C-alpha cells in the first residue's frame, strides 16, 4: 500500500509500515493545497491535527482505503463519509 504521512509523527510508525512492505512518503511541512493535488495517488493517509479530511477530499481520492489518525479524537475526519465509501 502507498501511504502518505501528512503530519509529523514518530519515525517508528513509518519505519514499521515500510518493514511490513508498504511505501511511505513523508509530506511534512508542505501546504494543504499540495496535499489535495497528490492525495489521489495514495491508498493510505496518516494525519494528526494539521489537516481536516472532508467529504470533498474523500470523494477526490478513489484509491483511498484507510485514514490513520495519530493522537486522540477523530474530529478532523468526516468518519461517516469515509465509512460510506469503504474507507477504514
PDB file of N, CA and C in Angstrom:
ATOM      1  N   UNK A   1       0.850  -1.180   0.000  1.00  0.00           N
ATOM      2  CA  UNK A   1       0.000   0.000   0.000  1.00  0.00           C
ATOM      3  C   UNK A   1       0.894   1.241   0.000  1.00  0.00           C
ATOM      4  N   UNK A   2       0.504   2.232  -0.749  1.00  0.00           N
ATOM      5  CA  UNK A   2       1.216   3.505  -0.790  1.00  0.00           C
ATOM      6  C   UNK A   2       0.545   4.456   0.209  1.00  0.00           C
ATOM      7  N   UNK A   3       1.328   4.928   1.186  1.00  0.00           N
ATOM      8  CA  UNK A   3       0.787   5.714   2.295  1.00  0.00           C
ATOM      9  C   UNK A   3       1.445   7.086   2.334  1.00  0.00           C
ATOM     10  N   UNK A   4       0.620   8.102   2.515  1.00  0.00           N
ATOM     11  CA  UNK A   4       1.100   9.480   2.634  1.00  0.00           C
ATOM     12  C   UNK A   4       1.000   9.915   4.092  1.00  0.00           C
ATOM     13  N   UNK A   5       2.098  10.374   4.653  1.00  0.00           N
ATOM     14  CA  UNK A   5       2.124  10.935   6.004  1.00  0.00           C
ATOM     15  C   UNK A   5       2.023  12.448   5.874  1.00  0.00           C
ATOM     16  N   UNK A   6       0.863  13.004   6.209  1.00  0.00           N
ATOM     17  CA  UNK A   6       0.611  14.430   6.028  1.00  0.00           C
ATOM     18  C   UNK A   6       1.134  15.279   7.184  1.00  0.00           C
ATOM     19  N   UNK A   7       1.305  14.687   8.348  1.00  0.00           N
ATOM     20  CA  UNK A   7       1.796  15.400   9.527  1.00  0.00           C
ATOM     21  C   UNK A   7       2.974  14.641  10.124  1.00  0.00           C
ATOM     22  N   UNK A   8       3.797  15.368  10.857  1.00  0.00           N
ATOM     23  CA  UNK A   8       4.934  14.721  11.509  1.00  0.00           C
ATOM     24  C   UNK A   8       4.448  13.784  12.620  1.00  0.00           C
ATOM     25  N   UNK A   9       5.223  12.751  12.839  1.00  0.00           N
ATOM     26  CA  UNK A   9       4.960  11.813  13.933  1.00  0.00           C
ATOM     27  C   UNK A   9       6.241  11.042  14.188  1.00  0.00           C
ATOM     28  N   UNK A  10       6.208  10.143  15.139  1.00  0.00           N
ATOM     29  CA  UNK A  10       7.406   9.381  15.477  1.00  0.00           C
ATOM     30  C   UNK A  10       7.805   8.486  14.308  1.00  0.00           C
ATOM     31  N   UNK A  11       9.082   8.418  14.036  1.00  0.00           N
ATOM     32  CA  UNK A  11       9.584   7.661  12.891  1.00  0.00           C
ATOM     33  C   UNK A  11       9.291   6.170  12.988  1.00  0.00           C
ATOM     34  N   UNK A  12       9.038   5.654  14.171  1.00  0.00           N
ATOM     35  CA  UNK A  12       8.778   4.221  14.304  1.00  0.00           C
ATOM     36  C   UNK A  12       7.536   3.811  13.512  1.00  0.00           C
ATOM     37  N   UNK A  13       6.577   4.703  13.343  1.00  0.00           N
ATOM     38  CA  UNK A  13       5.353   4.365  12.613  1.00  0.00           C
ATOM     39  C   UNK A  13       5.654   4.097  11.140  1.00  0.00           C
ATOM     40  N   UNK A  14       6.280   5.047  10.462  1.00  0.00           N
ATOM     41  CA  UNK A  14       6.536   4.793   9.042  1.00  0.00           C
ATOM     42  C   UNK A  14       7.629   3.745   8.840  1.00  0.00           C
ATOM     43  N   UNK A  15       8.574   3.621   9.747  1.00  0.00           N
ATOM     44  CA  UNK A  15       9.583   2.564   9.643  1.00  0.00           C
ATOM     45  C   UNK A  15       8.934   1.181   9.751  1.00  0.00           C
ATOM     46  N   UNK A  16       7.974   1.044  10.653  1.00  0.00           N
ATOM     47  CA  UNK A  16       7.259  -0.224  10.824  1.00  0.00           C
ATOM     48  C   UNK A  16       6.445  -0.558   9.575  1.00  0.00           C
ATOM     49  N   UNK A  17       5.788   0.433   9.007  1.00  0.00           N
ATOM     50  CA  UNK A  17       4.998   0.207   7.800  1.00  0.00           C
ATOM     51  C   UNK A  17       5.880  -0.152   6.604  1.00  0.00           C
ATOM     52  N   UNK A  18       7.026   0.479   6.497  1.00  0.00           N
ATOM     53  CA  UNK A  18       7.969   0.147   5.425  1.00  0.00           C
ATOM     54  C   UNK A  18       8.471  -1.286   5.598  1.00  0.00           C
ATOM     55  N   UNK A  19       8.793  -1.666   6.819  1.00  0.00           N
ATOM     56  CA  UNK A  19       9.255  -3.025   7.094  1.00  0.00           C
ATOM     57  C   UNK A  19       8.179  -4.063   6.763  1.00  0.00           C
ATOM     58  N   UNK A  20       6.912  -3.650   6.836  1.00  0.00           N
ATOM     59  CA  UNK A  20       5.798  -4.546   6.511  1.00  0.00           C
ATOM     60  C   UNK A  20       5.504  -4.573   5.010  1.00  0.00           C
ATOM     61  N   UNK A  21       6.288  -3.831   4.214  1.00  0.00           N
ATOM     62  CA  UNK A  21       6.138  -3.879   2.771  1.00  0.00           C
ATOM     63  C   UNK A  21       5.378  -2.727   2.149  1.00  0.00           C
ATOM     64  N   UNK A  22       5.039  -1.715   2.938  1.00  0.00           N
ATOM     65  CA  UNK A  22       4.310  -0.564   2.411  1.00  0.00           C
ATOM     66  C   UNK A  22       5.293   0.513   1.940  1.00  0.00           C
ATOM     67  N   UNK A  23       4.834   1.355   1.061  1.00  0.00           N
ATOM     68  CA  UNK A  23       5.595   2.502   0.589  1.00  0.00           C
ATOM     69  C   UNK A  23       5.083   3.733   1.324  1.00  0.00           C
ATOM     70  N   UNK A  24       5.985   4.477   1.955  1.00  0.00           N
ATOM     71  CA  UNK A  24       5.576   5.643   2.745  1.00  0.00           C
ATOM     72  C   UNK A  24       6.266   6.904   2.244  1.00  0.00           C
ATOM     73  N   UNK A  25       5.473   7.938   2.000  1.00  0.00           N
ATOM     74  CA  UNK A  25       6.000   9.235   1.604  1.00  0.00           C
ATOM     75  C   UNK A  25       5.694  10.243   2.701  1.00  0.00           C
ATOM     76  N   UNK A  26       6.713  10.979   3.120  1.00  0.00           N
ATOM     77  CA  UNK A  26       6.554  11.987   4.165  1.00  0.00           C
ATOM     78  C   UNK A  26       6.243  13.323   3.513  1.00  0.00           C
ATOM     79  N   UNK A  27       5.153  13.945   3.951  1.00  0.00           N
ATOM     80  CA  UNK A  27       4.649  15.172   3.347  1.00  0.00           C
ATOM     81  C   UNK A  27       4.728  16.338   4.338  1.00  0.00           C
ATOM     82  N   UNK A  28       5.545  16.211   5.334  1.00  0.00           N
ATOM     83  CA  UNK A  28       5.608  17.198   6.407  1.00  0.00           C
ATOM     84  C   UNK A  28       6.053  18.554   5.875  1.00  0.00           C
ATOM     85  N   UNK A  29       5.576  19.607   6.499  1.00  0.00           N
ATOM     86  CA  UNK A  29       5.976  20.984   6.180  1.00  0.00           C
ATOM     87  C   UNK A  29       5.635  21.415   4.758  1.00  0.00           C
ATOM     88  N   UNK A  30       4.538  20.903   4.236  1.00  0.00           N
ATOM     89  CA  UNK A  30       4.081  21.326   2.907  1.00  0.00           C
ATOM     90  C   UNK A  30       2.642  21.804   3.031  1.00  0.00           C
ATOM     91  N   UNK A  31       2.221  22.738   2.198  1.00  0.00           N
ATOM     92  CA  UNK A  31       0.878  23.328   2.323  1.00  0.00           C
ATOM     93  C   UNK A  31      -0.242  22.372   1.907  1.00  0.00           C
ATOM     94  N   UNK A  32      -1.427  22.654   2.448  1.00  0.00           N
ATOM     95  CA  UNK A  32      -2.600  21.827   2.206  1.00  0.00           C
ATOM     96  C   UNK A  32      -3.023  21.735   0.757  1.00  0.00           C
ATOM     97  N   UNK A  33      -2.820  22.785  -0.028  1.00  0.00           N
ATOM     98  CA  UNK A  33      -3.227  22.718  -1.429  1.00  0.00           C
ATOM     99  C   UNK A  33      -2.386  21.699  -2.195  1.00  0.00           C
ATOM    100  N   UNK A  34      -1.145  21.497  -1.784  1.00  0.00           N
ATOM    101  CA  UNK A  34      -0.320  20.448  -2.396  1.00  0.00           C
ATOM    102  C   UNK A  34      -0.828  19.062  -1.997  1.00  0.00           C
ATOM    103  N   UNK A  35      -1.290  18.934  -0.761  1.00  0.00           N
ATOM    104  CA  UNK A  35      -1.856  17.658  -0.300  1.00  0.00           C
ATOM    105  C   UNK A  35      -3.037  17.260  -1.171  1.00  0.00           C
ATOM    106  N   UNK A  36      -3.913  18.199  -1.448  1.00  0.00           N
ATOM    107  CA  UNK A  36      -5.109  17.927  -2.251  1.00  0.00           C
ATOM    108  C   UNK A  36      -4.718  17.433  -3.647  1.00  0.00           C
ATOM    109  N   UNK A  37      -3.637  17.956  -4.194  1.00  0.00           N
ATOM    110  CA  UNK A  37      -3.203  17.569  -5.542  1.00  0.00           C
ATOM    111  C   UNK A  37      -2.646  16.150  -5.604  1.00  0.00           C
ATOM    112  N   UNK A  38      -1.909  15.738  -4.569  1.00  0.00           N
ATOM    113  CA  UNK A  38      -1.242  14.433  -4.650  1.00  0.00           C
ATOM    114  C   UNK A  38      -1.976  13.308  -3.930  1.00  0.00           C
ATOM    115  N   UNK A  39      -2.885  13.623  -3.035  1.00  0.00           N
ATOM    116  CA  UNK A  39      -3.574  12.593  -2.254  1.00  0.00           C
ATOM    117  C   UNK A  39      -4.281  11.533  -3.098  1.00  0.00           C
ATOM    118  N   UNK A  40      -4.858  11.859  -4.256  1.00  0.00           N
ATOM    119  CA  UNK A  40      -5.499  10.809  -5.063  1.00  0.00           C
ATOM    120  C   UNK A  40      -4.562   9.680  -5.504  1.00  0.00           C
ATOM    121  N   UNK A  41      -3.266   9.873  -5.387  1.00  0.00           N
ATOM    122  CA  UNK A  41      -2.292   8.853  -5.766  1.00  0.00           C
ATOM    123  C   UNK A  41      -2.073   7.806  -4.683  1.00  0.00           C
ATOM    124  N   UNK A  42      -2.664   8.006  -3.510  1.00  0.00           N
ATOM    125  CA  UNK A  42      -2.368   7.166  -2.341  1.00  0.00           C
ATOM    126  C   UNK A  42      -3.558   6.316  -1.912  1.00  0.00           C
ATOM    127  N   UNK A  43      -3.227   5.177  -1.298  1.00  0.00           N
ATOM    128  CA  UNK A  43      -4.235   4.278  -0.738  1.00  0.00           C
ATOM    129  C   UNK A  43      -4.398   4.483   0.760  1.00  0.00           C
ATOM    130  N   UNK A  44      -3.404   5.078   1.391  1.00  0.00           N
ATOM    131  CA  UNK A  44      -3.453   5.310   2.826  1.00  0.00           C
ATOM    132  C   UNK A  44      -3.018   6.718   3.158  1.00  0.00           C
ATOM    133  N   UNK A  45      -3.566   7.247   4.246  1.00  0.00           N
ATOM    134  CA  UNK A  45      -3.246   8.596   4.703  1.00  0.00           C
ATOM    135  C   UNK A  45      -3.090   8.568   6.213  1.00  0.00           C
ATOM    136  N   UNK A  46      -2.008   9.181   6.710  1.00  0.00           N
ATOM    137  CA  UNK A  46      -1.796   9.323   8.145  1.00  0.00           C
ATOM    138  C   UNK A  46      -1.741  10.812   8.450  1.00  0.00           C
ATOM    139  N   UNK A  47      -2.588  11.245   9.392  1.00  0.00           N
ATOM    140  CA  UNK A  47      -2.650  12.656   9.776  1.00  0.00           C
ATOM    141  C   UNK A  47      -2.556  12.789  11.289  1.00  0.00           C
ATOM    142  N   UNK A  48      -2.397  13.997  11.740  1.00  0.00           N
ATOM    143  CA  UNK A  48      -2.539  14.357  13.149  1.00  0.00           C
ATOM    144  C   UNK A  48      -3.655  15.398  13.204  1.00  0.00           C
ATOM    145  N   UNK A  49      -3.292  16.653  13.416  1.00  0.00           N
ATOM    146  CA  UNK A  49      -4.334  17.682  13.518  1.00  0.00           C
ATOM    147  C   UNK A  49      -4.152  18.824  12.529  1.00  0.00           C
ATOM    148  N   UNK A  50      -3.153  18.755  11.689  1.00  0.00           N
ATOM    149  CA  UNK A  50      -2.857  19.832  10.742  1.00  0.00           C
ATOM    150  C   UNK A  50      -3.931  19.975   9.661  1.00  0.00           C
ATOM    151  N   UNK A  51      -4.479  18.856   9.214  1.00  0.00           N
ATOM    152  CA  UNK A  51      -5.438  18.857   8.110  1.00  0.00           C
ATOM    153  C   UNK A  51      -6.805  18.346   8.559  1.00  0.00           C
ATOM    154  N   UNK A  52      -7.844  18.851   7.918  1.00  0.00           N
ATOM    155  CA  UNK A  52      -9.197  18.334   8.088  1.00  0.00           C
ATOM    156  C   UNK A  52      -9.556  17.569   6.829  1.00  0.00           C
ATOM    157  N   UNK A  53      -9.979  16.331   7.007  1.00  0.00           N
ATOM    158  CA  UNK A  53     -10.312  15.474   5.872  1.00  0.00           C
ATOM    159  C   UNK A  53     -11.828  15.490   5.702  1.00  0.00           C
ATOM    160  N   UNK A  54     -12.288  16.277   4.738  1.00  0.00           N
ATOM    161  CA  UNK A  54     -13.714  16.486   4.495  1.00  0.00           C
ATOM    162  C   UNK A  54     -14.259  15.455   3.509  1.00  0.00           C
ATOM    163  N   UNK A  55     -15.564  15.461   3.339  1.00  0.00           N
ATOM    164  CA  UNK A  55     -16.187  14.561   2.361  1.00  0.00           C
ATOM    165  C   UNK A  55     -15.710  14.881   0.949  1.00  0.00           C
ATOM    166  N   UNK A  56     -15.451  16.153   0.653  1.00  0.00           N
ATOM    167  CA  UNK A  56     -14.975  16.535  -0.671  1.00  0.00           C
ATOM    168  C   UNK A  56     -13.582  15.965  -0.935  1.00  0.00           C
ATOM    169  N   UNK A  57     -12.729  15.998   0.056  1.00  0.00           N
ATOM    170  CA  UNK A  57     -11.389  15.419  -0.088  1.00  0.00           C
ATOM    171  C   UNK A  57     -11.494  13.914  -0.273  1.00  0.00           C
ATOM    172  N   UNK A  58     -12.324  13.273   0.529  1.00  0.00           N
ATOM    173  CA  UNK A  58     -12.526  11.828   0.422  1.00  0.00           C
ATOM    174  C   UNK A  58     -13.029  11.464  -0.972  1.00  0.00           C
ATOM    175  N   UNK A  59     -13.983  12.221  -1.486  1.00  0.00           N
ATOM    176  CA  UNK A  59     -14.541  11.941  -2.817  1.00  0.00           C
ATOM    177  C   UNK A  59     -13.512  12.102  -3.931  1.00  0.00           C
ATOM    178  N   UNK A  60     -12.494  12.917  -3.704  1.00  0.00           N
ATOM    179  CA  UNK A  60     -11.477  13.141  -4.735  1.00  0.00           C
ATOM    180  C   UNK A  60     -10.382  12.073  -4.720  1.00  0.00           C
ATOM    181  N   UNK A  61     -10.509  11.086  -3.844  1.00  0.00           N
ATOM    182  CA  UNK A  61      -9.466  10.072  -3.671  1.00  0.00           C
ATOM    183  C   UNK A  61     -10.036   8.668  -3.840  1.00  0.00           C
ATOM    184  N   UNK A  62     -10.274   8.238  -5.062  1.00  0.00           N
ATOM    185  CA  UNK A  62     -10.897   6.937  -5.284  1.00  0.00           C
ATOM    186  C   UNK A  62     -10.057   5.742  -4.833  1.00  0.00           C
ATOM    187  N   UNK A  63      -8.750   5.905  -4.715  1.00  0.00           N
ATOM    188  CA  UNK A  63      -7.893   4.787  -4.298  1.00  0.00           C
ATOM    189  C   UNK A  63      -7.751   4.671  -2.782  1.00  0.00           C
ATOM    190  N   UNK A  64      -8.212   5.684  -2.049  1.00  0.00           N
ATOM    191  CA  UNK A  64      -8.023   5.714  -0.593  1.00  0.00           C
ATOM    192  C   UNK A  64      -8.747   4.561   0.093  1.00  0.00           C
ATOM    193  N   UNK A  65      -8.004   3.815   0.917  1.00  0.00           N
ATOM    194  CA  UNK A  65      -8.560   2.665   1.626  1.00  0.00           C
ATOM    195  C   UNK A  65      -8.569   2.849   3.134  1.00  0.00           C
ATOM    196  N   UNK A  66      -7.664   3.686   3.653  1.00  0.00           N
ATOM    197  CA  UNK A  66      -7.639   3.886   5.103  1.00  0.00           C
ATOM    198  C   UNK A  66      -7.068   5.257   5.443  1.00  0.00           C
ATOM    199  N   UNK A  67      -7.554   5.774   6.568  1.00  0.00           N
ATOM    200  CA  UNK A  67      -7.057   7.025   7.128  1.00  0.00           C
ATOM    201  C   UNK A  67      -6.667   6.725   8.563  1.00  0.00           C
ATOM    202  N   UNK A  68      -5.422   7.023   8.897  1.00  0.00           N
ATOM    203  CA  UNK A  68      -4.950   6.832  10.269  1.00  0.00           C
ATOM    204  C   UNK A  68      -4.787   8.174  10.944  1.00  0.00           C
ATOM    205  N   UNK A  69      -5.223   8.252  12.178  1.00  0.00           N
ATOM    206  CA  UNK A  69      -5.114   9.497  12.948  1.00  0.00           C
ATOM    207  C   UNK A  69      -4.177   9.259  14.115  1.00  0.00           C
ATOM    208  N   UNK A  70      -3.025   9.922  14.124  1.00  0.00           N
ATOM    209  CA  UNK A  70      -2.090   9.842  15.239  1.00  0.00           C
ATOM    210  C   UNK A  70      -2.554  10.847  16.273  1.00  0.00           C
ATOM    211  N   UNK A  71      -2.822  10.388  17.476  1.00  0.00           N
ATOM    212  CA  UNK A  71      -3.310  11.264  18.533  1.00  0.00           C
ATOM    213  C   UNK A  71      -4.705  10.851  18.950  1.00  0.00           C
ATOM    214  N   UNK A  72      -5.351  11.734  19.659  1.00  0.00           N
ATOM    215  CA  UNK A  72      -6.682  11.430  20.188  1.00  0.00           C
ATOM    216  C   UNK A  72      -7.762  12.118  19.366  1.00  0.00           C
ATOM    217  N   UNK A  73      -8.889  11.431  19.208  1.00  0.00           N
ATOM    218  CA  UNK A  73     -10.047  12.019  18.543  1.00  0.00           C
ATOM    219  C   UNK A  73     -10.015  11.865  17.040  1.00  0.00           C
ATOM    220  N   UNK A  74     -11.201  11.997  16.457  1.00  0.00           N
ATOM    221  CA  UNK A  74     -11.364  11.878  15.009  1.00  0.00           C
ATOM    222  C   UNK A  74     -12.142  13.081  14.467  1.00  0.00           C
ATOM    223  N   UNK A  75     -12.148  14.174  15.215  1.00  0.00           N
ATOM    224  CA  UNK A  75     -12.958  15.333  14.859  1.00  0.00           C
ATOM    225  C   UNK A  75     -12.536  16.002  13.559  1.00  0.00           C
ATOM    226  N   UNK A  76     -11.346  15.744  13.074  1.00  0.00           N
ATOM    227  CA  UNK A  76     -10.898  16.372  11.828  1.00  0.00           C
ATOM    228  C   UNK A  76     -11.027  15.440  10.616  1.00  0.00           C
ATOM    229  N   UNK A  77     -11.814  14.376  10.774  1.00  0.00           N
ATOM    230  CA  UNK A  77     -12.078  13.445   9.674  1.00  0.00           C
ATOM    231  C   UNK A  77     -13.588  13.249   9.562  1.00  0.00           C
ATOM    232  N   UNK A  78     -14.125  13.343   8.368  1.00  0.00           N
ATOM    233  CA  UNK A  78     -15.540  13.026   8.160  1.00  0.00           C
ATOM    234  C   UNK A  78     -15.656  11.498   8.140  1.00  0.00           C
ATOM    235  N   UNK A  79     -15.714  10.934   9.342  1.00  0.00           N
ATOM    236  CA  UNK A  79     -15.682   9.479   9.512  1.00  0.00           C
ATOM    237  C   UNK A  79     -16.884   8.814   8.846  1.00  0.00           C
ATOM    238  N   UNK A  80     -18.058   9.372   9.021  1.00  0.00           N
ATOM    239  CA  UNK A  80     -19.268   8.760   8.436  1.00  0.00           C
ATOM    240  C   UNK A  80     -19.141   8.670   6.918  1.00  0.00           C
ATOM    241  N   UNK A  81     -18.642   9.705   6.308  1.00  0.00           N
ATOM    242  CA  UNK A  81     -18.493   9.696   4.844  1.00  0.00           C
ATOM    243  C   UNK A  81     -17.407   8.697   4.427  1.00  0.00           C
ATOM    244  N   UNK A  82     -16.315   8.668   5.168  1.00  0.00           N
ATOM    245  CA  UNK A  82     -15.248   7.711   4.858  1.00  0.00           C
ATOM    246  C   UNK A  82     -15.775   6.280   4.928  1.00  0.00           C
ATOM    247  N   UNK A  83     -16.520   5.965   5.968  1.00  0.00           N
ATOM    248  CA  UNK A  83     -17.079   4.621   6.132  1.00  0.00           C
ATOM    249  C   UNK A  83     -18.041   4.309   4.987  1.00  0.00           C
ATOM    250  N   UNK A  84     -18.828   5.296   4.580  1.00  0.00           N
ATOM    251  CA  UNK A  84     -19.781   5.080   3.486  1.00  0.00           C
ATOM    252  C   UNK A  84     -19.076   4.767   2.165  1.00  0.00           C
ATOM    253  N   UNK A  85     -17.808   5.173   2.056  1.00  0.00           N
ATOM    254  CA  UNK A  85     -17.015   4.910   0.854  1.00  0.00           C
ATOM    255  C   UNK A  85     -16.139   3.675   1.001  1.00  0.00           C
ATOM    256  N   UNK A  86     -16.272   2.962   2.123  1.00  0.00           N
ATOM    257  CA  UNK A  86     -15.478   1.763   2.350  1.00  0.00           C
ATOM    258  C   UNK A  86     -14.077   2.045   2.839  1.00  0.00           C
ATOM    259  N   UNK A  87     -13.839   3.248   3.346  1.00  0.00           N
ATOM    260  CA  UNK A  87     -12.533   3.629   3.862  1.00  0.00           C
ATOM    261  C   UNK A  87     -12.523   3.381   5.364  1.00  0.00           C
ATOM    262  N   UNK A  88     -11.490   2.683   5.818  1.00  0.00           N
ATOM    263  CA  UNK A  88     -11.355   2.383   7.245  1.00  0.00           C
ATOM    264  C   UNK A  88     -10.670   3.506   7.952  1.00  0.00           C
TER     265      UNK A  88
END
